[in-house]
Structures are given as C-alpha cells and as structure tokens.
Amino acid sequence: MVVSQNPIAKAVFRNVVVDEAPLACMVVNQRIVLILSALFDTNDFNVNRGRSYLKSLDLEYGIAVDFGKRRAEFIGIRRSK
C-alpha cells in the first residue's frame, strides 16, 4: 500500500492553470482520497472539501473522516460527473 501525503494539484481559474498547491489530504494507492479532521459538529466540511479534491486530482472515490466531539464519523464520497 502506498500513501501520499499532501499531493500537489493544479489550481485552475476559468479553465486556465494559475498555480499548483498541496492539498490537505492523503491519497491511498493513487486511487482513494482520505480527508481527516477533528472536533467538528458534522462531517459536511470534509465531504465538500473531499469532492473538490477528487475533481482536482481526477480521482473517483474518497473517504471523509471526522473524529468529532461525541463520535467518529466516516463517509464515503464519490466524484460527481
């Protein structure tokens, strides 16, 4: 298993690449994006951020994880087409 931390993605504005930046996630086996956070009330932020990362990295699947105040929440996400 290969895990990449903070992969570099192109920043695009109006279909023009303007820069490259690291993303706050991990990529497992160059296929699954893993987004982690702690102490949020919900996992919505990670899900939305994960969808953006999937698009930037041209990947299909991800997992958003929040180790919250009361419980851990794991949500599978899929890139919208």
PDB file of N, CA and C in Angstrom:
ATOM      1  N   MET A   1       0.848  -1.173   0.000  1.00  0.00           N
ATOM      2  CA  MET A   1       0.000   0.000   0.000  1.00  0.00           C
ATOM      3  C   MET A   1       0.895   1.238   0.000  1.00  0.00           C
ATOM      4  N   VAL A   2       0.576   2.182  -0.868  1.00  0.00           N
ATOM      5  CA  VAL A   2       1.319   3.428  -0.982  1.00  0.00           C
ATOM      6  C   VAL A   2       0.409   4.576  -0.565  1.00  0.00           C
ATOM      7  N   VAL A   3       0.884   5.391   0.368  1.00  0.00           N
ATOM      8  CA  VAL A   3       0.106   6.542   0.834  1.00  0.00           C
ATOM      9  C   VAL A   3       0.898   7.806   0.546  1.00  0.00           C
ATOM     10  N   SER A   4       0.275   8.731  -0.181  1.00  0.00           N
ATOM     11  CA  SER A   4       0.890  10.025  -0.480  1.00  0.00           C
ATOM     12  C   SER A   4       0.240  11.080   0.395  1.00  0.00           C
ATOM     13  N   GLN A   5       1.043  11.885   1.057  1.00  0.00           N
ATOM     14  CA  GLN A   5       0.512  12.963   1.884  1.00  0.00           C
ATOM     15  C   GLN A   5       0.615  14.280   1.143  1.00  0.00           C
ATOM     16  N   ASN A   6      -0.406  15.110   1.286  1.00  0.00           N
ATOM     17  CA  ASN A   6      -0.444  16.445   0.696  1.00  0.00           C
ATOM     18  C   ASN A   6      -0.057  16.450  -0.783  1.00  0.00           C
ATOM     19  N   PRO A   7      -0.809  15.725  -1.608  1.00  0.00           N
ATOM     20  CA  PRO A   7      -0.479  15.691  -3.038  1.00  0.00           C
ATOM     21  C   PRO A   7      -0.611  17.086  -3.660  1.00  0.00           C
ATOM     22  N   ILE A   8       0.166  17.322  -4.684  1.00  0.00           N
ATOM     23  CA  ILE A   8       0.151  18.604  -5.398  1.00  0.00           C
ATOM     24  C   ILE A   8      -0.923  18.547  -6.479  1.00  0.00           C
ATOM     25  N   ALA A   9      -1.739  19.601  -6.551  1.00  0.00           N
ATOM     26  CA  ALA A   9      -2.777  19.688  -7.576  1.00  0.00           C
ATOM     27  C   ALA A   9      -2.702  21.050  -8.251  1.00  0.00           C
ATOM     28  N   LYS A  10      -3.137  21.096  -9.485  1.00  0.00           N
ATOM     29  CA  LYS A  10      -3.155  22.349 -10.231  1.00  0.00           C
ATOM     30  C   LYS A  10      -4.337  23.201  -9.793  1.00  0.00           C
ATOM     31  N   ALA A  11      -4.089  24.500  -9.623  1.00  0.00           N
ATOM     32  CA  ALA A  11      -5.156  25.454  -9.329  1.00  0.00           C
ATOM     33  C   ALA A  11      -5.610  26.043 -10.657  1.00  0.00           C
ATOM     34  N   VAL A  12      -6.909  25.906 -10.938  1.00  0.00           N
ATOM     35  CA  VAL A  12      -7.445  26.329 -12.237  1.00  0.00           C
ATOM     36  C   VAL A  12      -8.487  27.423 -12.022  1.00  0.00           C
ATOM     37  N   PHE A  13      -8.401  28.477 -12.836  1.00  0.00           N
ATOM     38  CA  PHE A  13      -9.389  29.554 -12.811  1.00  0.00           C
ATOM     39  C   PHE A  13      -9.821  29.819 -14.245  1.00  0.00           C
ATOM     40  N   ARG A  14     -11.117  29.648 -14.503  1.00  0.00           N
ATOM     41  CA  ARG A  14     -11.683  29.825 -15.847  1.00  0.00           C
ATOM     42  C   ARG A  14     -10.909  29.016 -16.895  1.00  0.00           C
ATOM     43  N   ASN A  15     -10.685  27.760 -16.554  1.00  0.00           N
ATOM     44  CA  ASN A  15     -10.001  26.800 -17.421  1.00  0.00           C
ATOM     45  C   ASN A  15      -8.547  27.149 -17.717  1.00  0.00           C
ATOM     46  N   VAL A  16      -7.946  27.998 -16.895  1.00  0.00           N
ATOM     47  CA  VAL A  16      -6.533  28.344 -17.046  1.00  0.00           C
ATOM     48  C   VAL A  16      -5.812  27.926 -15.766  1.00  0.00           C
ATOM     49  N   VAL A  17      -4.745  27.152 -15.919  1.00  0.00           N
ATOM     50  CA  VAL A  17      -3.949  26.745 -14.758  1.00  0.00           C
ATOM     51  C   VAL A  17      -3.166  27.966 -14.281  1.00  0.00           C
ATOM     52  N   VAL A  18      -3.402  28.357 -13.027  1.00  0.00           N
ATOM     53  CA  VAL A  18      -2.745  29.551 -12.495  1.00  0.00           C
ATOM     54  C   VAL A  18      -1.627  29.230 -11.503  1.00  0.00           C
ATOM     55  N   ASP A  19      -1.648  28.032 -10.926  1.00  0.00           N
ATOM     56  CA  ASP A  19      -0.626  27.677  -9.952  1.00  0.00           C
ATOM     57  C   ASP A  19      -0.769  26.205  -9.587  1.00  0.00           C
ATOM     58  N   GLU A  20       0.094  25.742  -8.709  1.00  0.00           N
ATOM     59  CA  GLU A  20      -0.007  24.415  -8.120  1.00  0.00           C
ATOM     60  C   GLU A  20       0.093  24.568  -6.616  1.00  0.00           C
ATOM     61  N   ALA A  21      -0.632  23.711  -5.887  1.00  0.00           N
ATOM     62  CA  ALA A  21      -0.629  23.803  -4.427  1.00  0.00           C
ATOM     63  C   ALA A  21      -0.847  22.429  -3.814  1.00  0.00           C
ATOM     64  N   PRO A  22      -0.306  22.209  -2.605  1.00  0.00           N
ATOM     65  CA  PRO A  22      -0.565  20.947  -1.912  1.00  0.00           C
ATOM     66  C   PRO A  22      -1.977  20.928  -1.333  1.00  0.00           C
ATOM     67  N   LEU A  23      -2.587  19.759  -1.325  1.00  0.00           N
ATOM     68  CA  LEU A  23      -3.920  19.581  -0.757  1.00  0.00           C
ATOM     69  C   LEU A  23      -3.805  18.937   0.613  1.00  0.00           C
ATOM     70  N   ALA A  24      -4.690  19.308   1.519  1.00  0.00           N
ATOM     71  CA  ALA A  24      -4.668  18.790   2.901  1.00  0.00           C
ATOM     72  C   ALA A  24      -5.392  17.450   2.968  1.00  0.00           C
ATOM     73  N   CYS A  25      -4.765  16.431   2.381  1.00  0.00           N
ATOM     74  CA  CYS A  25      -5.365  15.099   2.375  1.00  0.00           C
ATOM     75  C   CYS A  25      -4.278  14.065   2.148  1.00  0.00           C
ATOM     76  N   MET A  26      -4.695  12.814   2.096  1.00  0.00           N
ATOM     77  CA  MET A  26      -3.810  11.715   1.732  1.00  0.00           C
ATOM     78  C   MET A  26      -4.445  10.967   0.565  1.00  0.00           C
ATOM     79  N   VAL A  27      -3.621  10.357  -0.258  1.00  0.00           N
ATOM     80  CA  VAL A  27      -4.120   9.528  -1.352  1.00  0.00           C
ATOM     81  C   VAL A  27      -3.568   8.123  -1.151  1.00  0.00           C
ATOM     82  N   VAL A  28      -4.465   7.153  -1.106  1.00  0.00           N
ATOM     83  CA  VAL A  28      -4.093   5.756  -0.869  1.00  0.00           C
ATOM     84  C   VAL A  28      -4.070   5.026  -2.204  1.00  0.00           C
ATOM     85  N   ASN A  29      -2.933   4.416  -2.506  1.00  0.00           N
ATOM     86  CA  ASN A  29      -2.734   3.637  -3.743  1.00  0.00           C
ATOM     87  C   ASN A  29      -3.130   4.405  -5.001  1.00  0.00           C
ATOM     88  N   GLN A  30      -2.938   5.706  -4.996  1.00  0.00           N
ATOM     89  CA  GLN A  30      -3.246   6.563  -6.139  1.00  0.00           C
ATOM     90  C   GLN A  30      -4.687   6.402  -6.608  1.00  0.00           C
ATOM     91  N   ARG A  31      -5.603   6.068  -5.668  1.00  0.00           N
ATOM     92  CA  ARG A  31      -6.999   5.824  -6.040  1.00  0.00           C
ATOM     93  C   ARG A  31      -8.018   6.440  -5.107  1.00  0.00           C
ATOM     94  N   ILE A  32      -7.719   6.486  -3.805  1.00  0.00           N
ATOM     95  CA  ILE A  32      -8.718   6.912  -2.826  1.00  0.00           C
ATOM     96  C   ILE A  32      -8.184   8.104  -2.031  1.00  0.00           C
ATOM     97  N   VAL A  33      -8.966   9.178  -2.005  1.00  0.00           N
ATOM     98  CA  VAL A  33      -8.606  10.373  -1.246  1.00  0.00           C
ATOM     99  C   VAL A  33      -9.126  10.206   0.178  1.00  0.00           C
ATOM    100  N   LEU A  34      -8.290  10.499   1.156  1.00  0.00           N
ATOM    101  CA  LEU A  34      -8.654  10.400   2.564  1.00  0.00           C
ATOM    102  C   LEU A  34      -8.529  11.781   3.190  1.00  0.00           C
ATOM    103  N   ILE A  35      -9.655  12.312   3.694  1.00  0.00           N
ATOM    104  CA  ILE A  35      -9.699  13.635   4.296  1.00  0.00           C
ATOM    105  C   ILE A  35     -10.008  13.459   5.773  1.00  0.00           C
ATOM    106  N   LEU A  36      -9.157  14.001   6.637  1.00  0.00           N
ATOM    107  CA  LEU A  36      -9.306  13.830   8.082  1.00  0.00           C
ATOM    108  C   LEU A  36      -9.493  15.174   8.780  1.00  0.00           C
ATOM    109  N   SER A  37     -10.314  15.174   9.822  1.00  0.00           N
ATOM    110  CA  SER A  37     -10.432  16.350  10.688  1.00  0.00           C
ATOM    111  C   SER A  37     -10.838  15.878  12.078  1.00  0.00           C
ATOM    112  N   ALA A  38     -10.839  16.825  13.009  1.00  0.00           N
ATOM    113  CA  ALA A  38     -11.247  16.502  14.374  1.00  0.00           C
ATOM    114  C   ALA A  38     -12.067  17.646  14.957  1.00  0.00           C
ATOM    115  N   LEU A  39     -13.009  17.268  15.778  1.00  0.00           N
ATOM    116  CA  LEU A  39     -13.790  18.181  16.598  1.00  0.00           C
ATOM    117  C   LEU A  39     -14.779  19.079  15.855  1.00  0.00           C
ATOM    118  N   PHE A  40     -15.192  18.707  14.657  1.00  0.00           N
ATOM    119  CA  PHE A  40     -16.292  19.407  14.003  1.00  0.00           C
ATOM    120  C   PHE A  40     -17.610  18.843  14.524  1.00  0.00           C
ATOM    121  N   ASP A  41     -18.684  19.618  14.403  1.00  0.00           N
ATOM    122  CA  ASP A  41     -20.001  19.124  14.801  1.00  0.00           C
ATOM    123  C   ASP A  41     -20.549  18.139  13.771  1.00  0.00           C
ATOM    124  N   THR A  42     -20.221  18.360  12.485  1.00  0.00           N
ATOM    125  CA  THR A  42     -20.641  17.447  11.424  1.00  0.00           C
ATOM    126  C   THR A  42     -19.452  17.208  10.498  1.00  0.00           C
ATOM    127  N   ASN A  43     -19.630  16.290   9.589  1.00  0.00           N
ATOM    128  CA  ASN A  43     -18.577  15.946   8.636  1.00  0.00           C
ATOM    129  C   ASN A  43     -18.812  16.630   7.281  1.00  0.00           C
ATOM    130  N   ASP A  44     -19.772  17.544   7.203  1.00  0.00           N
ATOM    131  CA  ASP A  44     -20.120  18.202   5.937  1.00  0.00           C
ATOM    132  C   ASP A  44     -18.941  18.928   5.300  1.00  0.00           C
ATOM    133  N   PHE A  45     -18.140  19.609   6.112  1.00  0.00           N
ATOM    134  CA  PHE A  45     -16.985  20.338   5.592  1.00  0.00           C
ATOM    135  C   PHE A  45     -16.036  19.395   4.862  1.00  0.00           C
ATOM    136  N   ASN A  46     -15.733  18.253   5.477  1.00  0.00           N
ATOM    137  CA  ASN A  46     -14.829  17.287   4.851  1.00  0.00           C
ATOM    138  C   ASN A  46     -15.407  16.708   3.569  1.00  0.00           C
ATOM    139  N   VAL A  47     -16.697  16.440   3.553  1.00  0.00           N
ATOM    140  CA  VAL A  47     -17.332  15.881   2.354  1.00  0.00           C
ATOM    141  C   VAL A  47     -17.203  16.864   1.194  1.00  0.00           C
ATOM    142  N   ASN A  48     -17.511  18.129   1.437  1.00  0.00           N
ATOM    143  CA  ASN A  48     -17.408  19.136   0.376  1.00  0.00           C
ATOM    144  C   ASN A  48     -15.971  19.355  -0.064  1.00  0.00           C
ATOM    145  N   ARG A  49     -15.066  19.402   0.889  1.00  0.00           N
ATOM    146  CA  ARG A  49     -13.645  19.557   0.561  1.00  0.00           C
ATOM    147  C   ARG A  49     -13.154  18.332  -0.210  1.00  0.00           C
ATOM    148  N   GLY A  50     -13.609  17.159   0.191  1.00  0.00           N
ATOM    149  CA  GLY A  50     -13.224  15.925  -0.493  1.00  0.00           C
ATOM    150  C   GLY A  50     -13.675  15.899  -1.941  1.00  0.00           C
ATOM    151  N   ARG A  51     -14.887  16.357  -2.215  1.00  0.00           N
ATOM    152  CA  ARG A  51     -15.359  16.403  -3.609  1.00  0.00           C
ATOM    153  C   ARG A  51     -14.494  17.335  -4.451  1.00  0.00           C
ATOM    154  N   SER A  52     -14.092  18.440  -3.876  1.00  0.00           N
ATOM    155  CA  SER A  52     -13.207  19.368  -4.575  1.00  0.00           C
ATOM    156  C   SER A  52     -11.850  18.714  -4.850  1.00  0.00           C
ATOM    157  N   TYR A  53     -11.322  18.002  -3.866  1.00  0.00           N
ATOM    158  CA  TYR A  53     -10.042  17.314  -4.038  1.00  0.00           C
ATOM    159  C   TYR A  53     -10.140  16.219  -5.093  1.00  0.00           C
ATOM    160  N   LEU A  54     -11.250  15.484  -5.108  1.00  0.00           N
ATOM    161  CA  LEU A  54     -11.435  14.443  -6.118  1.00  0.00           C
ATOM    162  C   LEU A  54     -11.375  15.038  -7.522  1.00  0.00           C
ATOM    163  N   LYS A  55     -12.038  16.160  -7.701  1.00  0.00           N
ATOM    164  CA  LYS A  55     -12.017  16.821  -9.011  1.00  0.00           C
ATOM    165  C   LYS A  55     -10.606  17.289  -9.364  1.00  0.00           C
ATOM    166  N   SER A  56      -9.930  17.917  -8.416  1.00  0.00           N
ATOM    167  CA  SER A  56      -8.575  18.426  -8.661  1.00  0.00           C
ATOM    168  C   SER A  56      -7.580  17.321  -8.990  1.00  0.00           C
ATOM    169  N   LEU A  57      -7.747  16.172  -8.345  1.00  0.00           N
ATOM    170  CA  LEU A  57      -6.815  15.052  -8.537  1.00  0.00           C
ATOM    171  C   LEU A  57      -7.288  14.068  -9.606  1.00  0.00           C
ATOM    172  N   ASP A  58      -8.478  14.322 -10.171  1.00  0.00           N
ATOM    173  CA  ASP A  58      -9.064  13.454 -11.197  1.00  0.00           C
ATOM    174  C   ASP A  58      -9.195  12.016 -10.692  1.00  0.00           C
ATOM    175  N   LEU A  59      -9.749  11.894  -9.481  1.00  0.00           N
ATOM    176  CA  LEU A  59      -9.994  10.585  -8.872  1.00  0.00           C
ATOM    177  C   LEU A  59     -11.485  10.408  -8.642  1.00  0.00           C
ATOM    178  N   GLU A  60     -11.931   9.169  -8.430  1.00  0.00           N
ATOM    179  CA  GLU A  60     -13.356   8.864  -8.304  1.00  0.00           C
ATOM    180  C   GLU A  60     -13.869   8.780  -6.875  1.00  0.00           C
ATOM    181  N   TYR A  61     -13.069   8.222  -5.954  1.00  0.00           N
ATOM    182  CA  TYR A  61     -13.588   7.882  -4.636  1.00  0.00           C
ATOM    183  C   TYR A  61     -12.756   8.482  -3.506  1.00  0.00           C
ATOM    184  N   GLY A  62     -13.435   8.714  -2.377  1.00  0.00           N
ATOM    185  CA  GLY A  62     -12.749   9.227  -1.211  1.00  0.00           C
ATOM    186  C   GLY A  62     -13.478   8.841   0.059  1.00  0.00           C
ATOM    187  N   ILE A  63     -12.838   9.118   1.176  1.00  0.00           N
ATOM    188  CA  ILE A  63     -13.420   8.876   2.491  1.00  0.00           C
ATOM    189  C   ILE A  63     -13.178  10.127   3.331  1.00  0.00           C
ATOM    190  N   ALA A  64     -14.268  10.684   3.856  1.00  0.00           N
ATOM    191  CA  ALA A  64     -14.186  11.842   4.744  1.00  0.00           C
ATOM    192  C   ALA A  64     -14.357  11.350   6.175  1.00  0.00           C
ATOM    193  N   VAL A  65     -13.404  11.684   7.025  1.00  0.00           N
ATOM    194  CA  VAL A  65     -13.415  11.207   8.411  1.00  0.00           C
ATOM    195  C   VAL A  65     -13.323  12.406   9.351  1.00  0.00           C
ATOM    196  N   ASP A  66     -14.222  12.436  10.326  1.00  0.00           N
ATOM    197  CA  ASP A  66     -14.149  13.445  11.378  1.00  0.00           C
ATOM    198  C   ASP A  66     -14.193  12.744  12.735  1.00  0.00           C
ATOM    199  N   PHE A  67     -13.173  12.995  13.528  1.00  0.00           N
ATOM    200  CA  PHE A  67     -13.144  12.483  14.895  1.00  0.00           C
ATOM    201  C   PHE A  67     -13.751  13.577  15.764  1.00  0.00           C
ATOM    202  N   GLY A  68     -15.074  13.577  15.840  1.00  0.00           N
ATOM    203  CA  GLY A  68     -15.837  14.658  16.447  1.00  0.00           C
ATOM    204  C   GLY A  68     -15.807  14.690  17.957  1.00  0.00           C
ATOM    205  N   LYS A  69     -16.551  15.648  18.473  1.00  0.00           N
ATOM    206  CA  LYS A  69     -16.628  15.844  19.920  1.00  0.00           C
ATOM    207  C   LYS A  69     -17.293  14.667  20.614  1.00  0.00           C
ATOM    208  N   ARG A  70     -18.286  14.066  19.929  1.00  0.00           N
ATOM    209  CA  ARG A  70     -19.054  12.979  20.555  1.00  0.00           C
ATOM    210  C   ARG A  70     -18.861  11.626  19.885  1.00  0.00           C
ATOM    211  N   ARG A  71     -18.461  11.638  18.609  1.00  0.00           N
ATOM    212  CA  ARG A  71     -18.322  10.365  17.901  1.00  0.00           C
ATOM    213  C   ARG A  71     -17.439  10.551  16.670  1.00  0.00           C
ATOM    214  N   ALA A  72     -16.957   9.459  16.135  1.00  0.00           N
ATOM    215  CA  ALA A  72     -16.220   9.476  14.871  1.00  0.00           C
ATOM    216  C   ALA A  72     -17.220   9.224  13.744  1.00  0.00           C
ATOM    217  N   GLU A  73     -17.047   9.948  12.645  1.00  0.00           N
ATOM    218  CA  GLU A  73     -17.950   9.805  11.508  1.00  0.00           C
ATOM    219  C   GLU A  73     -17.135   9.558  10.247  1.00  0.00           C
ATOM    220  N   PHE A  74     -17.470   8.483   9.537  1.00  0.00           N
ATOM    221  CA  PHE A  74     -16.798   8.097   8.304  1.00  0.00           C
ATOM    222  C   PHE A  74     -17.832   8.134   7.183  1.00  0.00           C
ATOM    223  N   ILE A  75     -17.551   8.879   6.114  1.00  0.00           N
ATOM    224  CA  ILE A  75     -18.486   8.988   4.999  1.00  0.00           C
ATOM    225  C   ILE A  75     -17.736   8.729   3.693  1.00  0.00           C
ATOM    226  N   GLY A  76     -18.222   7.783   2.909  1.00  0.00           N
ATOM    227  CA  GLY A  76     -17.667   7.533   1.584  1.00  0.00           C
ATOM    228  C   GLY A  76     -18.196   8.579   0.613  1.00  0.00           C
ATOM    229  N   ILE A  77     -17.320   9.091  -0.228  1.00  0.00           N
ATOM    230  CA  ILE A  77     -17.742  10.082  -1.221  1.00  0.00           C
ATOM    231  C   ILE A  77     -17.329   9.647  -2.611  1.00  0.00           C
ATOM    232  N   ARG A  78     -18.090  10.126  -3.581  1.00  0.00           N
ATOM    233  CA  ARG A  78     -17.830   9.800  -4.974  1.00  0.00           C
ATOM    234  C   ARG A  78     -17.872  11.084  -5.775  1.00  0.00           C
ATOM    235  N   ARG A  79     -16.995  11.187  -6.722  1.00  0.00           N
ATOM    236  CA  ARG A  79     -16.927  12.378  -7.570  1.00  0.00           C
ATOM    237  C   ARG A  79     -18.173  12.488  -8.425  1.00  0.00           C
ATOM    238  N   SER A  80     -18.767  13.663  -8.454  1.00  0.00           N
ATOM    239  CA  SER A  80     -19.922  13.915  -9.314  1.00  0.00           C
ATOM    240  C   SER A  80     -19.451  14.031 -10.748  1.00  0.00           C
ATOM    241  N   LYS A  81     -20.265  13.521 -11.648  1.00  0.00           N
ATOM    242  CA  LYS A  81     -19.869  13.594 -13.054  1.00  0.00           C
ATOM    243  C   LYS A  81     -20.653  14.653 -13.753  1.00  0.00           C
TER     244      LYS A  81
END
